Amino acid sequence: MNEQQAKALARVFGGEEWDSGGGIWLVQYYRGDGKLIVFSGDAVCEYDSDEAFEEGNANTMISLASGDEEWWVIEDSKGIRYFQDEELKVGWRSQEAAEHEARGVASRMGKGYRAVRLEE
């Protein structure tokens, strides 16, 4: 996840966002029972403590991404890209949904818009 996404998620949970290195942002949240919950762009993990997190000993992990996911955005004829959520820079999860949006924008704006795969 990027910095903007991490900050938004941290606001929702009352957690703290931080750059774990290389532009990879995480969000940590301490539950009322003292467990540490860590959100990444790929997974949500529960740890007993900070030490367990540092050792990589998660109690529970829910994978959010398998590596096969694709994100789609709308691109105009000048190469400008438009996201489903401009602030968080999140696109559409399917090509069909992005193409549908691109057709709608094209019908309103009268210009050529198309769906393109978002390469990271």
PDB file of N, CA and C in Angstrom:
ATOM      1  N   MET A   1       0.848  -1.174   0.000  1.00  0.00           N
ATOM      2  CA  MET A   1       0.000   0.000   0.000  1.00  0.00           C
ATOM      3  C   MET A   1       0.886   1.226   0.000  1.00  0.00           C
ATOM      4  N   ASN A   2       0.368   2.305  -0.524  1.00  0.00           N
ATOM      5  CA  ASN A   2       1.155   3.531  -0.571  1.00  0.00           C
ATOM      6  C   ASN A   2       0.875   4.384   0.672  1.00  0.00           C
ATOM      7  N   GLU A   3       1.575   5.499   0.781  1.00  0.00           N
ATOM      8  CA  GLU A   3       1.471   6.353   1.964  1.00  0.00           C
ATOM      9  C   GLU A   3       0.056   6.886   2.164  1.00  0.00           C
ATOM     10  N   GLN A   4      -0.589   7.339   1.109  1.00  0.00           N
ATOM     11  CA  GLN A   4      -1.944   7.887   1.239  1.00  0.00           C
ATOM     12  C   GLN A   4      -2.915   6.811   1.717  1.00  0.00           C
ATOM     13  N   GLN A   5      -2.803   5.601   1.180  1.00  0.00           N
ATOM     14  CA  GLN A   5      -3.677   4.516   1.592  1.00  0.00           C
ATOM     15  C   GLN A   5      -3.437   4.166   3.058  1.00  0.00           C
ATOM     16  N   ALA A   6      -2.167   4.125   3.460  1.00  0.00           N
ATOM     17  CA  ALA A   6      -1.840   3.804   4.846  1.00  0.00           C
ATOM     18  C   ALA A   6      -2.402   4.855   5.804  1.00  0.00           C
ATOM     19  N   LYS A   7      -2.270   6.123   5.438  1.00  0.00           N
ATOM     20  CA  LYS A   7      -2.791   7.179   6.294  1.00  0.00           C
ATOM     21  C   LYS A   7      -4.309   7.093   6.426  1.00  0.00           C
ATOM     22  N   ALA A   8      -4.986   6.786   5.327  1.00  0.00           N
ATOM     23  CA  ALA A   8      -6.447   6.657   5.371  1.00  0.00           C
ATOM     24  C   ALA A   8      -6.858   5.481   6.250  1.00  0.00           C
ATOM     25  N   LEU A   9      -6.193   4.354   6.105  1.00  0.00           N
ATOM     26  CA  LEU A   9      -6.519   3.174   6.910  1.00  0.00           C
ATOM     27  C   LEU A   9      -6.211   3.422   8.387  1.00  0.00           C
ATOM     28  N   ALA A  10      -5.111   4.093   8.666  1.00  0.00           N
ATOM     29  CA  ALA A  10      -4.765   4.416  10.050  1.00  0.00           C
ATOM     30  C   ALA A  10      -5.832   5.304  10.684  1.00  0.00           C
ATOM     31  N   ARG A  11      -6.366   6.243   9.919  1.00  0.00           N
ATOM     32  CA  ARG A  11      -7.440   7.111  10.445  1.00  0.00           C
ATOM     33  C   ARG A  11      -8.673   6.288  10.789  1.00  0.00           C
ATOM     34  N   VAL A  12      -9.003   5.333   9.936  1.00  0.00           N
ATOM     35  CA  VAL A  12     -10.201   4.515  10.162  1.00  0.00           C
ATOM     36  C   VAL A  12     -10.076   3.716  11.456  1.00  0.00           C
ATOM     37  N   PHE A  13      -8.908   3.110  11.689  1.00  0.00           N
ATOM     38  CA  PHE A  13      -8.733   2.238  12.851  1.00  0.00           C
ATOM     39  C   PHE A  13      -8.128   2.932  14.065  1.00  0.00           C
ATOM     40  N   GLY A  14      -7.675   4.165  13.885  1.00  0.00           N
ATOM     41  CA  GLY A  14      -6.996   4.827  14.993  1.00  0.00           C
ATOM     42  C   GLY A  14      -5.611   4.241  15.207  1.00  0.00           C
ATOM     43  N   GLY A  15      -5.030   3.750  14.135  1.00  0.00           N
ATOM     44  CA  GLY A  15      -3.697   3.157  14.205  1.00  0.00           C
ATOM     45  C   GLY A  15      -2.628   4.125  13.751  1.00  0.00           C
ATOM     46  N   GLU A  16      -1.464   3.563  13.484  1.00  0.00           N
ATOM     47  CA  GLU A  16      -0.319   4.373  13.064  1.00  0.00           C
ATOM     48  C   GLU A  16       0.252   3.814  11.767  1.00  0.00           C
ATOM     49  N   GLU A  17       0.477   4.707  10.810  1.00  0.00           N
ATOM     50  CA  GLU A  17       1.074   4.290   9.544  1.00  0.00           C
ATOM     51  C   GLU A  17       2.577   4.499   9.611  1.00  0.00           C
ATOM     52  N   TRP A  18       3.311   3.651   8.891  1.00  0.00           N
ATOM     53  CA  TRP A  18       4.753   3.839   8.831  1.00  0.00           C
ATOM     54  C   TRP A  18       5.342   3.163   7.610  1.00  0.00           C
ATOM     55  N   ASP A  19       6.440   3.741   7.148  1.00  0.00           N
ATOM     56  CA  ASP A  19       7.164   3.238   5.984  1.00  0.00           C
ATOM     57  C   ASP A  19       8.135   2.175   6.479  1.00  0.00           C
ATOM     58  N   SER A  20       7.897   0.930   6.078  1.00  0.00           N
ATOM     59  CA  SER A  20       8.746  -0.160   6.547  1.00  0.00           C
ATOM     60  C   SER A  20      10.018  -0.300   5.722  1.00  0.00           C
ATOM     61  N   GLY A  21      10.162   0.562   4.727  1.00  0.00           N
ATOM     62  CA  GLY A  21      11.353   0.545   3.886  1.00  0.00           C
ATOM     63  C   GLY A  21      10.995   0.333   2.433  1.00  0.00           C
ATOM     64  N   GLY A  22      11.687   1.020   1.569  1.00  0.00           N
ATOM     65  CA  GLY A  22      11.460   0.853   0.140  1.00  0.00           C
ATOM     66  C   GLY A  22      10.100   1.329  -0.331  1.00  0.00           C
ATOM     67  N   GLY A  23       9.489   2.239   0.412  1.00  0.00           N
ATOM     68  CA  GLY A  23       8.180   2.748   0.011  1.00  0.00           C
ATOM     69  C   GLY A  23       7.032   1.801   0.310  1.00  0.00           C
ATOM     70  N   ILE A  24       7.276   0.778   1.122  1.00  0.00           N
ATOM     71  CA  ILE A  24       6.224  -0.166   1.514  1.00  0.00           C
ATOM     72  C   ILE A  24       5.655   0.308   2.847  1.00  0.00           C
ATOM     73  N   TRP A  25       4.390   0.688   2.804  1.00  0.00           N
ATOM     74  CA  TRP A  25       3.742   1.254   3.977  1.00  0.00           C
ATOM     75  C   TRP A  25       2.908   0.205   4.695  1.00  0.00           C
ATOM     76  N   LEU A  26       2.936   0.263   6.020  1.00  0.00           N
ATOM     77  CA  LEU A  26       2.155  -0.617   6.881  1.00  0.00           C
ATOM     78  C   LEU A  26       1.327   0.231   7.833  1.00  0.00           C
ATOM     79  N   VAL A  27       0.306  -0.390   8.404  1.00  0.00           N
ATOM     80  CA  VAL A  27      -0.482   0.250   9.454  1.00  0.00           C
ATOM     81  C   VAL A  27      -0.502  -0.705  10.629  1.00  0.00           C
ATOM     82  N   GLN A  28      -0.188  -0.175  11.799  1.00  0.00           N
ATOM     83  CA  GLN A  28      -0.276  -0.991  13.004  1.00  0.00           C
ATOM     84  C   GLN A  28      -1.351  -0.436  13.921  1.00  0.00           C
ATOM     85  N   TYR A  29      -2.036  -1.361  14.560  1.00  0.00           N
ATOM     86  CA  TYR A  29      -3.161  -1.009  15.430  1.00  0.00           C
ATOM     87  C   TYR A  29      -3.127  -1.943  16.627  1.00  0.00           C
ATOM     88  N   TYR A  30      -3.190  -1.389  17.828  1.00  0.00           N
ATOM     89  CA  TYR A  30      -3.228  -2.204  19.036  1.00  0.00           C
ATOM     90  C   TYR A  30      -4.672  -2.341  19.478  1.00  0.00           C
ATOM     91  N   ARG A  31      -5.146  -3.585  19.506  1.00  0.00           N
ATOM     92  CA  ARG A  31      -6.513  -3.850  19.973  1.00  0.00           C
ATOM     93  C   ARG A  31      -6.594  -3.669  21.476  1.00  0.00           C
ATOM     94  N   GLY A  32      -7.812  -3.610  21.965  1.00  0.00           N
ATOM     95  CA  GLY A  32      -8.044  -3.469  23.403  1.00  0.00           C
ATOM     96  C   GLY A  32      -7.459  -4.593  24.227  1.00  0.00           C
ATOM     97  N   ASP A  33      -7.309  -5.786  23.644  1.00  0.00           N
ATOM     98  CA  ASP A  33      -6.733  -6.921  24.378  1.00  0.00           C
ATOM     99  C   ASP A  33      -5.210  -6.951  24.299  1.00  0.00           C
ATOM    100  N   GLY A  34      -4.608  -5.895  23.706  1.00  0.00           N
ATOM    101  CA  GLY A  34      -3.157  -5.806  23.640  1.00  0.00           C
ATOM    102  C   GLY A  34      -2.523  -6.435  22.413  1.00  0.00           C
ATOM    103  N   LYS A  35      -3.304  -7.136  21.603  1.00  0.00           N
ATOM    104  CA  LYS A  35      -2.758  -7.752  20.385  1.00  0.00           C
ATOM    105  C   LYS A  35      -2.434  -6.668  19.368  1.00  0.00           C
ATOM    106  N   LEU A  36      -1.366  -6.887  18.605  1.00  0.00           N
ATOM    107  CA  LEU A  36      -0.950  -5.973  17.554  1.00  0.00           C
ATOM    108  C   LEU A  36      -1.480  -6.486  16.223  1.00  0.00           C
ATOM    109  N   ILE A  37      -2.210  -5.630  15.525  1.00  0.00           N
ATOM    110  CA  ILE A  37      -2.722  -5.952  14.191  1.00  0.00           C
ATOM    111  C   ILE A  37      -1.927  -5.120  13.201  1.00  0.00           C
ATOM    112  N   VAL A  38      -1.387  -5.788  12.169  1.00  0.00           N
ATOM    113  CA  VAL A  38      -0.585  -5.100  11.159  1.00  0.00           C
ATOM    114  C   VAL A  38      -1.223  -5.318   9.796  1.00  0.00           C
ATOM    115  N   PHE A  39      -1.530  -4.216   9.121  1.00  0.00           N
ATOM    116  CA  PHE A  39      -2.106  -4.237   7.781  1.00  0.00           C
ATOM    117  C   PHE A  39      -1.009  -3.918   6.777  1.00  0.00           C
ATOM    118  N   SER A  40      -0.935  -4.707   5.733  1.00  0.00           N
ATOM    119  CA  SER A  40      -0.077  -4.365   4.599  1.00  0.00           C
ATOM    120  C   SER A  40      -0.968  -4.382   3.366  1.00  0.00           C
ATOM    121  N   GLY A  41      -0.407  -4.136   2.217  1.00  0.00           N
ATOM    122  CA  GLY A  41      -1.183  -4.213   0.997  1.00  0.00           C
ATOM    123  C   GLY A  41      -1.547  -5.634   0.629  1.00  0.00           C
ATOM    124  N   ASP A  42      -0.865  -6.610   1.236  1.00  0.00           N
ATOM    125  CA  ASP A  42      -1.065  -8.017   0.890  1.00  0.00           C
ATOM    126  C   ASP A  42      -1.763  -8.840   1.960  1.00  0.00           C
ATOM    127  N   ALA A  43      -1.681  -8.393   3.231  1.00  0.00           N
ATOM    128  CA  ALA A  43      -2.190  -9.239   4.312  1.00  0.00           C
ATOM    129  C   ALA A  43      -2.550  -8.413   5.537  1.00  0.00           C
ATOM    130  N   VAL A  44      -3.324  -9.052   6.430  1.00  0.00           N
ATOM    131  CA  VAL A  44      -3.601  -8.525   7.762  1.00  0.00           C
ATOM    132  C   VAL A  44      -3.130  -9.602   8.727  1.00  0.00           C
ATOM    133  N   CYS A  45      -2.258  -9.212   9.668  1.00  0.00           N
ATOM    134  CA  CYS A  45      -1.688 -10.182  10.602  1.00  0.00           C
ATOM    135  C   CYS A  45      -1.949  -9.758  12.044  1.00  0.00           C
ATOM    136  N   GLU A  46      -2.128 -10.761  12.908  1.00  0.00           N
ATOM    137  CA  GLU A  46      -2.290 -10.535  14.342  1.00  0.00           C
ATOM    138  C   GLU A  46      -1.066 -11.081  15.063  1.00  0.00           C
ATOM    139  N   TYR A  47      -0.506 -10.262  15.950  1.00  0.00           N
ATOM    140  CA  TYR A  47       0.664 -10.642  16.734  1.00  0.00           C
ATOM    141  C   TYR A  47       0.359 -10.468  18.216  1.00  0.00           C
ATOM    142  N   ASP A  48       1.009 -11.283  19.066  1.00  0.00           N
ATOM    143  CA  ASP A  48       0.833 -11.154  20.511  1.00  0.00           C
ATOM    144  C   ASP A  48       1.493  -9.894  21.056  1.00  0.00           C
ATOM    145  N   SER A  49       2.575  -9.435  20.382  1.00  0.00           N
ATOM    146  CA  SER A  49       3.346  -8.312  20.911  1.00  0.00           C
ATOM    147  C   SER A  49       4.218  -7.717  19.811  1.00  0.00           C
ATOM    148  N   ASP A  50       4.885  -6.616  20.165  1.00  0.00           N
ATOM    149  CA  ASP A  50       5.860  -6.023  19.246  1.00  0.00           C
ATOM    150  C   ASP A  50       6.994  -7.007  18.959  1.00  0.00           C
ATOM    151  N   GLU A  51       7.398  -7.726  19.988  1.00  0.00           N
ATOM    152  CA  GLU A  51       8.484  -8.693  19.826  1.00  0.00           C
ATOM    153  C   GLU A  51       8.087  -9.800  18.853  1.00  0.00           C
ATOM    154  N   ALA A  52       6.861 -10.272  18.959  1.00  0.00           N
ATOM    155  CA  ALA A  52       6.381 -11.309  18.037  1.00  0.00           C
ATOM    156  C   ALA A  52       6.363 -10.777  16.603  1.00  0.00           C
ATOM    157  N   PHE A  53       5.997  -9.504  16.444  1.00  0.00           N
ATOM    158  CA  PHE A  53       6.021  -8.889  15.115  1.00  0.00           C
ATOM    159  C   PHE A  53       7.441  -8.843  14.570  1.00  0.00           C
ATOM    160  N   GLU A  54       8.386  -8.391  15.393  1.00  0.00           N
ATOM    161  CA  GLU A  54       9.780  -8.297  14.962  1.00  0.00           C
ATOM    162  C   GLU A  54      10.347  -9.665  14.584  1.00  0.00           C
ATOM    163  N   GLU A  55       9.882 -10.714  15.252  1.00  0.00           N
ATOM    164  CA  GLU A  55      10.333 -12.080  14.962  1.00  0.00           C
ATOM    165  C   GLU A  55       9.562 -12.715  13.811  1.00  0.00           C
ATOM    166  N   GLY A  56       8.486 -12.050  13.375  1.00  0.00           N
ATOM    167  CA  GLY A  56       7.670 -12.590  12.291  1.00  0.00           C
ATOM    168  C   GLY A  56       6.771 -13.727  12.719  1.00  0.00           C
ATOM    169  N   ASN A  57       6.400 -13.754  14.003  1.00  0.00           N
ATOM    170  CA  ASN A  57       5.552 -14.818  14.540  1.00  0.00           C
ATOM    171  C   ASN A  57       4.096 -14.363  14.666  1.00  0.00           C
ATOM    172  N   ALA A  58       3.386 -14.403  13.561  1.00  0.00           N
ATOM    173  CA  ALA A  58       1.978 -14.004  13.564  1.00  0.00           C
ATOM    174  C   ALA A  58       1.110 -15.142  14.078  1.00  0.00           C
ATOM    175  N   ASN A  59       0.120 -14.808  14.905  1.00  0.00           N
ATOM    176  CA  ASN A  59      -0.872 -15.794  15.341  1.00  0.00           C
ATOM    177  C   ASN A  59      -1.796 -16.156  14.192  1.00  0.00           C
ATOM    178  N   THR A  60      -2.208 -15.125  13.475  1.00  0.00           N
ATOM    179  CA  THR A  60      -3.172 -15.276  12.400  1.00  0.00           C
ATOM    180  C   THR A  60      -2.770 -14.375  11.242  1.00  0.00           C
ATOM    181  N   MET A  61      -2.959 -14.878  10.025  1.00  0.00           N
ATOM    182  CA  MET A  61      -2.686 -14.067   8.848  1.00  0.00           C
ATOM    183  C   MET A  61      -3.803 -14.293   7.837  1.00  0.00           C
ATOM    184  N   ILE A  62      -4.332 -13.209   7.328  1.00  0.00           N
ATOM    185  CA  ILE A  62      -5.320 -13.269   6.254  1.00  0.00           C
ATOM    186  C   ILE A  62      -4.682 -12.635   5.032  1.00  0.00           C
ATOM    187  N   SER A  63      -4.479 -13.423   3.987  1.00  0.00           N
ATOM    188  CA  SER A  63      -3.902 -12.897   2.754  1.00  0.00           C
ATOM    189  C   SER A  63      -4.957 -12.115   1.998  1.00  0.00           C
ATOM    190  N   LEU A  64      -4.591 -10.922   1.579  1.00  0.00           N
ATOM    191  CA  LEU A  64      -5.494 -10.074   0.807  1.00  0.00           C
ATOM    192  C   LEU A  64      -5.200 -10.150  -0.676  1.00  0.00           C
ATOM    193  N   ALA A  65      -3.983 -10.522  -1.022  1.00  0.00           N
ATOM    194  CA  ALA A  65      -3.581 -10.572  -2.424  1.00  0.00           C
ATOM    195  C   ALA A  65      -2.827 -11.868  -2.689  1.00  0.00           C
ATOM    196  N   SER A  66      -3.068 -12.431  -3.839  1.00  0.00           N
ATOM    197  CA  SER A  66      -2.386 -13.666  -4.206  1.00  0.00           C
ATOM    198  C   SER A  66      -1.231 -13.430  -5.155  1.00  0.00           C
ATOM    199  N   GLY A  67      -1.119 -12.217  -5.652  1.00  0.00           N
ATOM    200  CA  GLY A  67      -0.109 -11.915  -6.650  1.00  0.00           C
ATOM    201  C   GLY A  67      -0.671 -11.968  -8.054  1.00  0.00           C
ATOM    202  N   ASP A  68      -1.881 -12.503  -8.204  1.00  0.00           N
ATOM    203  CA  ASP A  68      -2.515 -12.604  -9.513  1.00  0.00           C
ATOM    204  C   ASP A  68      -3.504 -11.473  -9.772  1.00  0.00           C
ATOM    205  N   GLU A  69      -3.648 -10.553  -8.817  1.00  0.00           N
ATOM    206  CA  GLU A  69      -4.609  -9.480  -8.963  1.00  0.00           C
ATOM    207  C   GLU A  69      -4.157  -8.480 -10.023  1.00  0.00           C
ATOM    208  N   GLU A  70      -5.125  -7.919 -10.686  1.00  0.00           N
ATOM    209  CA  GLU A  70      -4.872  -6.862 -11.658  1.00  0.00           C
ATOM    210  C   GLU A  70      -5.679  -5.645 -11.258  1.00  0.00           C
ATOM    211  N   TRP A  71      -5.125  -4.485 -11.510  1.00  0.00           N
ATOM    212  CA  TRP A  71      -5.828  -3.233 -11.291  1.00  0.00           C
ATOM    213  C   TRP A  71      -5.898  -2.517 -12.619  1.00  0.00           C
ATOM    214  N   TRP A  72      -7.019  -1.856 -12.861  1.00  0.00           N
ATOM    215  CA  TRP A  72      -7.265  -1.165 -14.126  1.00  0.00           C
ATOM    216  C   TRP A  72      -7.602   0.283 -13.862  1.00  0.00           C
ATOM    217  N   VAL A  73      -7.149   1.162 -14.751  1.00  0.00           N
ATOM    218  CA  VAL A  73      -7.440   2.588 -14.679  1.00  0.00           C
ATOM    219  C   VAL A  73      -7.934   3.052 -16.040  1.00  0.00           C
ATOM    220  N   ILE A  74      -8.415   4.272 -16.088  1.00  0.00           N
ATOM    221  CA  ILE A  74      -8.856   4.869 -17.353  1.00  0.00           C
ATOM    222  C   ILE A  74      -7.752   5.805 -17.831  1.00  0.00           C
ATOM    223  N   GLU A  75      -7.472   5.760 -19.105  1.00  0.00           N
ATOM    224  CA  GLU A  75      -6.448   6.613 -19.688  1.00  0.00           C
ATOM    225  C   GLU A  75      -7.050   7.376 -20.856  1.00  0.00           C
ATOM    226  N   ASP A  76      -6.714   8.675 -20.941  1.00  0.00           N
ATOM    227  CA  ASP A  76      -7.211   9.454 -22.073  1.00  0.00           C
ATOM    228  C   ASP A  76      -6.189   9.427 -23.207  1.00  0.00           C
ATOM    229  N   SER A  77      -6.513  10.105 -24.292  1.00  0.00           N
ATOM    230  CA  SER A  77      -5.659  10.078 -25.477  1.00  0.00           C
ATOM    231  C   SER A  77      -4.303  10.752 -25.258  1.00  0.00           C
ATOM    232  N   LYS A  78      -4.170  11.545 -24.194  1.00  0.00           N
ATOM    233  CA  LYS A  78      -2.896  12.194 -23.869  1.00  0.00           C
ATOM    234  C   LYS A  78      -2.065  11.378 -22.877  1.00  0.00           C
ATOM    235  N   GLY A  79      -2.603  10.223 -22.462  1.00  0.00           N
ATOM    236  CA  GLY A  79      -1.877   9.378 -21.513  1.00  0.00           C
ATOM    237  C   GLY A  79      -2.127   9.708 -20.058  1.00  0.00           C
ATOM    238  N   ILE A  80      -3.070  10.609 -19.783  1.00  0.00           N
ATOM    239  CA  ILE A  80      -3.404  10.957 -18.401  1.00  0.00           C
ATOM    240  C   ILE A  80      -4.288   9.847 -17.838  1.00  0.00           C
ATOM    241  N   ARG A  81      -3.945   9.404 -16.631  1.00  0.00           N
ATOM    242  CA  ARG A  81      -4.673   8.301 -16.012  1.00  0.00           C
ATOM    243  C   ARG A  81      -5.625   8.797 -14.936  1.00  0.00           C
ATOM    244  N   TYR A  82      -6.770   8.130 -14.874  1.00  0.00           N
ATOM    245  CA  TYR A  82      -7.813   8.440 -13.911  1.00  0.00           C
ATOM    246  C   TYR A  82      -8.130   7.189 -13.110  1.00  0.00           C
ATOM    247  N   PHE A  83      -8.232   7.369 -11.788  1.00  0.00           N
ATOM    248  CA  PHE A  83      -8.461   6.260 -10.878  1.00  0.00           C
ATOM    249  C   PHE A  83      -9.898   6.250 -10.384  1.00  0.00           C
ATOM    250  N   GLN A  84     -10.321   5.104  -9.883  1.00  0.00           N
ATOM    251  CA  GLN A  84     -11.639   5.018  -9.261  1.00  0.00           C
ATOM    252  C   GLN A  84     -11.659   5.903  -8.024  1.00  0.00           C
ATOM    253  N   ASP A  85     -10.567   5.911  -7.285  1.00  0.00           N
ATOM    254  CA  ASP A  85     -10.410   6.805  -6.138  1.00  0.00           C
ATOM    255  C   ASP A  85      -9.124   7.593  -6.366  1.00  0.00           C
ATOM    256  N   GLU A  86      -9.268   8.827  -6.799  1.00  0.00           N
ATOM    257  CA  GLU A  86      -8.107   9.659  -7.147  1.00  0.00           C
ATOM    258  C   GLU A  86      -7.207   9.921  -5.949  1.00  0.00           C
ATOM    259  N   GLU A  87      -7.802  10.141  -4.791  1.00  0.00           N
ATOM    260  CA  GLU A  87      -7.001  10.460  -3.603  1.00  0.00           C
ATOM    261  C   GLU A  87      -6.109   9.286  -3.207  1.00  0.00           C
ATOM    262  N   LEU A  88      -6.659   8.068  -3.222  1.00  0.00           N
ATOM    263  CA  LEU A  88      -5.903   6.896  -2.806  1.00  0.00           C
ATOM    264  C   LEU A  88      -5.196   6.198  -3.950  1.00  0.00           C
ATOM    265  N   LYS A  89      -5.422   6.673  -5.180  1.00  0.00           N
ATOM    266  CA  LYS A  89      -4.804   6.086  -6.376  1.00  0.00           C
ATOM    267  C   LYS A  89      -5.153   4.602  -6.518  1.00  0.00           C
ATOM    268  N   VAL A  90      -6.436   4.312  -6.358  1.00  0.00           N
ATOM    269  CA  VAL A  90      -6.947   2.948  -6.487  1.00  0.00           C
ATOM    270  C   VAL A  90      -7.772   2.862  -7.763  1.00  0.00           C
ATOM    271  N   GLY A  91      -7.500   1.844  -8.557  1.00  0.00           N
ATOM    272  CA  GLY A  91      -8.245   1.629  -9.791  1.00  0.00           C
ATOM    273  C   GLY A  91      -9.375   0.638  -9.622  1.00  0.00           C
ATOM    274  N   TRP A  92      -9.811   0.065 -10.723  1.00  0.00           N
ATOM    275  CA  TRP A  92     -10.875  -0.925 -10.722  1.00  0.00           C
ATOM    276  C   TRP A  92     -10.261  -2.320 -10.675  1.00  0.00           C
ATOM    277  N   ARG A  93     -10.957  -3.271 -10.057  1.00  0.00           N
ATOM    278  CA  ARG A  93     -10.434  -4.627  -9.899  1.00  0.00           C
ATOM    279  C   ARG A  93     -10.585  -5.461 -11.157  1.00  0.00           C
ATOM    280  N   SER A  94     -11.438  -5.054 -12.067  1.00  0.00           N
ATOM    281  CA  SER A  94     -11.613  -5.851 -13.287  1.00  0.00           C
ATOM    282  C   SER A  94     -11.528  -4.964 -14.522  1.00  0.00           C
ATOM    283  N   GLN A  95     -11.094  -5.565 -15.600  1.00  0.00           N
ATOM    284  CA  GLN A  95     -11.010  -4.852 -16.873  1.00  0.00           C
ATOM    285  C   GLN A  95     -12.398  -4.429 -17.319  1.00  0.00           C
ATOM    286  N   GLU A  96     -13.382  -5.291 -17.120  1.00  0.00           N
ATOM    287  CA  GLU A  96     -14.750  -4.988 -17.547  1.00  0.00           C
ATOM    288  C   GLU A  96     -15.296  -3.752 -16.847  1.00  0.00           C
ATOM    289  N   ALA A  97     -15.054  -3.640 -15.539  1.00  0.00           N
ATOM    290  CA  ALA A  97     -15.550  -2.480 -14.789  1.00  0.00           C
ATOM    291  C   ALA A  97     -14.873  -1.191 -15.267  1.00  0.00           C
ATOM    292  N   ALA A  98     -13.571  -1.255 -15.515  1.00  0.00           N
ATOM    293  CA  ALA A  98     -12.849  -0.073 -15.993  1.00  0.00           C
ATOM    294  C   ALA A  98     -13.303   0.310 -17.395  1.00  0.00           C
ATOM    295  N   GLU A  99     -13.524  -0.678 -18.250  1.00  0.00           N
ATOM    296  CA  GLU A  99     -13.997  -0.383 -19.609  1.00  0.00           C
ATOM    297  C   GLU A  99     -15.384   0.252 -19.572  1.00  0.00           C
ATOM    298  N   HIS A 100     -16.235  -0.240 -18.686  1.00  0.00           N
ATOM    299  CA  HIS A 100     -17.575   0.340 -18.532  1.00  0.00           C
ATOM    300  C   HIS A 100     -17.461   1.815 -18.142  1.00  0.00           C
ATOM    301  N   GLU A 101     -16.603   2.116 -17.170  1.00  0.00           N
ATOM    302  CA  GLU A 101     -16.400   3.495 -16.747  1.00  0.00           C
ATOM    303  C   GLU A 101     -15.812   4.337 -17.875  1.00  0.00           C
ATOM    304  N   ALA A 102     -14.864   3.772 -18.616  1.00  0.00           N
ATOM    305  CA  ALA A 102     -14.237   4.501 -19.728  1.00  0.00           C
ATOM    306  C   ALA A 102     -15.272   4.867 -20.788  1.00  0.00           C
ATOM    307  N   ARG A 103     -16.188   3.944 -21.091  1.00  0.00           N
ATOM    308  CA  ARG A 103     -17.247   4.241 -22.062  1.00  0.00           C
ATOM    309  C   ARG A 103     -18.148   5.359 -21.551  1.00  0.00           C
ATOM    310  N   GLY A 104     -18.452   5.333 -20.257  1.00  0.00           N
ATOM    311  CA  GLY A 104     -19.284   6.384 -19.673  1.00  0.00           C
ATOM    312  C   GLY A 104     -18.619   7.742 -19.732  1.00  0.00           C
ATOM    313  N   VAL A 105     -17.339   7.798 -19.403  1.00  0.00           N
ATOM    314  CA  VAL A 105     -16.596   9.056 -19.463  1.00  0.00           C
ATOM    315  C   VAL A 105     -16.522   9.549 -20.908  1.00  0.00           C
ATOM    316  N   ALA A 106     -16.251   8.645 -21.834  1.00  0.00           N
ATOM    317  CA  ALA A 106     -16.160   9.018 -23.249  1.00  0.00           C
ATOM    318  C   ALA A 106     -17.482   9.574 -23.751  1.00  0.00           C
ATOM    319  N   SER A 107     -18.595   9.001 -23.312  1.00  0.00           N
ATOM    320  CA  SER A 107     -19.888   9.497 -23.779  1.00  0.00           C
ATOM    321  C   SER A 107     -20.186  10.886 -23.218  1.00  0.00           C
ATOM    322  N   ARG A 108     -19.703  11.184 -22.012  1.00  0.00           N
ATOM    323  CA  ARG A 108     -19.925  12.501 -21.408  1.00  0.00           C
ATOM    324  C   ARG A 108     -18.938  13.543 -21.923  1.00  0.00           C
ATOM    325  N   MET A 109     -17.686  13.123 -22.151  1.00  0.00           N
ATOM    326  CA  MET A 109     -16.633  14.073 -22.488  1.00  0.00           C
ATOM    327  C   MET A 109     -16.373  14.186 -23.987  1.00  0.00           C
ATOM    328  N   GLY A 110     -16.809  13.201 -24.742  1.00  0.00           N
ATOM    329  CA  GLY A 110     -16.620  13.247 -26.186  1.00  0.00           C
ATOM    330  C   GLY A 110     -15.192  13.021 -26.634  1.00  0.00           C
ATOM    331  N   LYS A 111     -14.393  12.422 -25.802  1.00  0.00           N
ATOM    332  CA  LYS A 111     -13.006  12.146 -26.135  1.00  0.00           C
ATOM    333  C   LYS A 111     -12.748  10.653 -26.018  1.00  0.00           C
ATOM    334  N   GLY A 112     -11.610  10.222 -26.523  1.00  0.00           N
ATOM    335  CA  GLY A 112     -11.237   8.820 -26.445  1.00  0.00           C
ATOM    336  C   GLY A 112     -10.663   8.449 -25.093  1.00  0.00           C
ATOM    337  N   TYR A 113     -11.341   7.603 -24.377  1.00  0.00           N
ATOM    338  CA  TYR A 113     -10.877   7.080 -23.101  1.00  0.00           C
ATOM    339  C   TYR A 113     -10.883   5.570 -23.198  1.00  0.00           C
ATOM    340  N   ARG A 114      -9.894   4.942 -22.553  1.00  0.00           N
ATOM    341  CA  ARG A 114      -9.824   3.486 -22.601  1.00  0.00           C
ATOM    342  C   ARG A 114      -9.340   2.958 -21.262  1.00  0.00           C
ATOM    343  N   ALA A 115      -9.615   1.692 -21.013  1.00  0.00           N
ATOM    344  CA  ALA A 115      -9.147   1.036 -19.801  1.00  0.00           C
ATOM    345  C   ALA A 115      -7.756   0.452 -20.074  1.00  0.00           C
ATOM    346  N   VAL A 116      -6.838   0.674 -19.139  1.00  0.00           N
ATOM    347  CA  VAL A 116      -5.494   0.115 -19.256  1.00  0.00           C
ATOM    348  C   VAL A 116      -5.115  -0.534 -17.935  1.00  0.00           C
ATOM    349  N   ARG A 117      -4.301  -1.569 -18.015  1.00  0.00           N
ATOM    350  CA  ARG A 117      -3.848  -2.267 -16.818  1.00  0.00           C
ATOM    351  C   ARG A 117      -2.840  -1.390 -16.090  1.00  0.00           C
ATOM    352  N   LEU A 118      -3.013  -1.267 -14.796  1.00  0.00           N
ATOM    353  CA  LEU A 118      -2.112  -0.466 -13.984  1.00  0.00           C
ATOM    354  C   LEU A 118      -0.902  -1.308 -13.631  1.00  0.00           C
ATOM    355  N   GLU A 119       0.233  -0.926 -14.141  1.00  0.00           N
ATOM    356  CA  GLU A 119       1.492  -1.614 -13.839  1.00  0.00           C
ATOM    357  C   GLU A 119       2.137  -0.926 -12.664  1.00  0.00           C
ATOM    358  N   GLU A 120       2.580  -1.688 -11.691  1.00  0.00           N
ATOM    359  CA  GLU A 120       3.223  -1.087 -10.519  1.00  0.00           C
ATOM    360  C   GLU A 120       4.700  -1.245 -10.587  1.00  0.00           C
TER     361      GLU A 120
END
